[in-house]
Protein backbone atom coordinates (compact mmCIF):
# COMPACT_ATOMS: atom_id res chain seq x y z
CA UNK A 1 -22.06 -19.98 -14.23
CA UNK A 2 -19.16 -18.86 -16.73
CA UNK A 3 -17.26 -15.72 -16.48
CA UNK A 4 -14.54 -14.25 -18.54
CA UNK A 5 -12.20 -12.19 -17.18
CA UNK A 6 -13.67 -8.88 -17.93
CA UNK A 7 -17.02 -9.90 -16.18
CA UNK A 8 -14.30 -10.89 -14.03
CA UNK A 9 -12.55 -8.09 -13.22
CA UNK A 10 -15.84 -5.94 -13.93
CA UNK A 11 -18.06 -8.11 -11.32
CA UNK A 12 -14.92 -7.09 -8.72
CA UNK A 13 -14.15 -4.95 -9.06
CA UNK A 14 -10.09 -5.69 -10.37
CA UNK A 15 -8.26 -5.15 -13.76
CA UNK A 16 -7.70 -7.49 -15.98
CA UNK A 17 -4.32 -7.56 -15.19
CA UNK A 18 -4.67 -7.86 -11.30
CA UNK A 19 -6.69 -10.49 -11.83
CA UNK A 20 -3.61 -12.69 -14.12
CA UNK A 21 -0.92 -11.83 -12.04
CA UNK A 22 -2.53 -13.60 -8.68
CA UNK A 23 -2.92 -16.39 -11.03
CA UNK A 24 -0.01 -16.05 -11.67
CA UNK A 25 1.10 -16.03 -7.87
CA UNK A 26 -0.93 -18.55 -7.20
CA UNK A 27 -4.08 -16.53 -5.33
CA UNK A 28 -6.39 -17.76 -7.70
CA UNK A 29 -6.27 -21.21 -9.09
CA UNK A 30 -5.37 -21.32 -12.96
CA UNK A 31 -8.29 -19.92 -14.67
CA UNK A 32 -10.11 -23.38 -17.38
CA UNK A 33 -9.78 -22.39 -20.92
CA UNK A 34 -11.65 -21.60 -23.29
CA UNK A 35 -12.64 -20.93 -27.19
CA UNK A 36 -9.16 -20.11 -28.17
CA UNK A 37 -7.45 -20.38 -25.40
CA UNK A 38 -9.74 -17.58 -23.62
CA UNK A 39 -9.88 -17.88 -19.70
CA UNK A 40 -13.44 -18.46 -17.70
CA UNK A 41 -14.02 -18.23 -14.43
CA UNK A 42 -16.41 -19.84 -12.11
CA UNK A 43 -18.54 -18.09 -8.67
CA UNK A 44 -15.72 -20.05 -6.00
CA UNK A 45 -13.96 -17.68 -7.98
CA UNK A 46 -15.44 -14.44 -7.78
CA UNK A 47 -15.55 -15.01 -4.44
CA UNK A 48 -12.15 -15.67 -3.61
CA UNK A 49 -11.35 -12.81 -5.85
CA UNK A 50 -13.22 -10.32 -3.75
CA UNK A 51 -11.73 -12.52 -0.70
CA UNK A 52 -8.87 -11.43 -1.53
CA UNK A 53 -9.34 -7.94 -2.94
CA UNK A 54 -10.76 -7.78 0.53
CA UNK A 55 -7.60 -8.84 1.99
CA UNK A 56 -5.15 -6.01 0.04
CA UNK A 57 -7.71 -3.30 0.38
CA UNK A 58 -6.81 -3.71 3.97
CA UNK A 59 -3.29 -3.53 3.02
CA UNK A 60 -2.22 -7.16 4.18
CA UNK A 61 1.04 -8.06 2.65
CA UNK A 62 0.61 -11.16 0.00
CA UNK A 63 2.77 -13.24 2.19
CA UNK A 64 -0.52 -12.77 4.37
CA UNK A 65 -2.69 -12.91 2.19
CA UNK A 66 -1.72 -16.54 0.86
CA UNK A 67 -1.88 -17.65 4.50
CA UNK A 68 -5.96 -16.43 5.05
CA UNK A 69 -6.48 -17.57 1.47
CA UNK A 70 -4.60 -21.32 2.83
CA UNK A 71 -6.87 -20.96 6.04
CA UNK A 72 -10.15 -20.93 4.00
CA UNK A 73 -9.10 -23.84 2.33
CA UNK A 74 -7.88 -25.87 4.91
CA UNK A 75 -10.54 -27.50 7.63
CA UNK A 76 -7.28 -29.24 9.61
CA UNK A 77 -6.23 -25.64 10.64
CA UNK A 78 -7.62 -23.31 13.20
CA UNK A 79 -9.18 -20.34 13.74
CA UNK A 80 -6.94 -18.85 15.27
CA UNK A 81 -3.96 -18.68 12.68
CA UNK A 82 -6.25 -16.15 11.26
CA UNK A 83 -6.65 -14.57 14.09
CA UNK A 84 -2.47 -14.07 14.57
CA UNK A 85 -1.84 -13.16 11.10
CA UNK A 86 -4.64 -10.02 12.23
CA UNK A 87 -2.28 -9.18 15.12
CA UNK A 88 0.38 -9.36 13.16
CA UNK A 89 -1.06 -7.36 10.53
CA UNK A 90 -2.00 -4.92 13.18
CA UNK A 91 0.73 -4.58 14.89
CA UNK A 92 2.31 -3.15 11.21
CA UNK A 93 -0.60 -0.93 10.58
CA UNK A 94 -0.01 0.80 13.81
CA UNK A 95 3.60 1.26 13.85
CA UNK A 96 3.38 3.03 10.44
CA UNK A 97 0.83 5.16 11.83
CA UNK A 98 3.18 5.94 14.53
CA UNK A 99 5.03 7.14 11.52
CA UNK A 100 2.68 9.35 9.78
CA UNK A 101 2.10 10.97 12.83
CA UNK A 102 6.16 11.64 13.34
CA UNK A 103 5.70 12.53 9.72
CA UNK A 104 2.67 15.32 10.30
CA UNK A 105 4.11 16.61 13.13
CA UNK A 106 7.84 17.06 10.75
CA UNK A 107 5.95 18.86 7.95
CA UNK A 108 3.33 21.36 10.79
CA UNK A 109 6.83 21.85 12.25
CA UNK A 110 7.38 23.04 8.59
CA UNK A 111 4.38 25.07 7.58
CA UNK A 112 4.50 26.52 11.32
CA UNK A 113 7.62 27.42 10.63
CA UNK A 114 7.48 28.57 7.82
CA UNK A 115 3.77 31.23 8.51
CA UNK A 116 6.28 32.71 10.99
CA UNK A 117 9.40 32.83 9.31
CA UNK A 118 9.75 33.50 5.61
CA UNK A 119 6.38 33.18 4.29
CA UNK A 120 6.03 34.98 0.30
CA UNK A 121 9.57 35.78 0.74
CA UNK A 122 11.87 34.33 -2.31
CA UNK A 123 11.55 30.53 -2.56
CA UNK A 124 15.73 30.11 -2.54
CA UNK A 125 14.99 31.80 1.45
CA UNK A 126 12.72 29.82 2.47
CA UNK A 127 12.87 27.48 5.98
CA UNK A 128 11.11 24.35 4.47
CA UNK A 129 13.49 24.38 1.90
CA UNK A 130 16.84 24.45 4.14
CA UNK A 131 14.65 22.10 6.60
CA UNK A 132 14.71 19.58 4.22
CA UNK A 133 18.01 20.37 3.07
CA UNK A 134 19.14 19.32 5.92
CA UNK A 135 20.67 15.67 6.61
CA UNK A 136 19.24 14.27 9.85
CA UNK A 137 17.28 17.05 11.32
CA UNK A 138 21.75 18.56 11.10
CA UNK A 139 22.79 21.00 8.46
CA UNK A 140 24.70 19.75 5.59
CA UNK A 141 27.93 21.11 5.56
CA UNK A 142 28.76 23.14 2.18
CA UNK A 143 25.45 23.18 1.59
CA UNK A 144 22.97 26.48 0.69
CA UNK A 145 20.05 27.04 -0.56
CA UNK A 146 20.26 30.54 -0.67
CA UNK A 147 23.08 33.17 -2.58
CA UNK A 148 22.44 35.71 -0.18
CA UNK A 149 25.71 35.73 2.13
CA UNK A 150 25.97 35.56 5.75
CA UNK A 151 28.28 37.95 7.15
């Protein structure tokens, strides 16, 4: 069955600019062209695009998606190559989670400090804003958010 780009987009939940981009960078093979240059895709294109989308949904970077697509089409390569790519990506995801947990703790600290110190006070006196104005957690010399004088 042949699909125009709009039908392929609808069938796979991918927008048409993304389909064109994936074709341009080689994640999808160049489409057949019919009737005034219109792209025409088949069932294999649907399967491949669904695969690429799923990889992207799982956060695999384009280069790893390219490697996974290559694995799908190369009987000479071993399945452990896919496992190794997934393991590498898992490590990156875990590192990102550590970063996000640290970020969560920092923001929770901002909120707690505001609750304890200045909730409802004037914006320029907010401890969250003061904390965000610190470089690497240290006060920036000469930087004051509030215009009030400290004795």
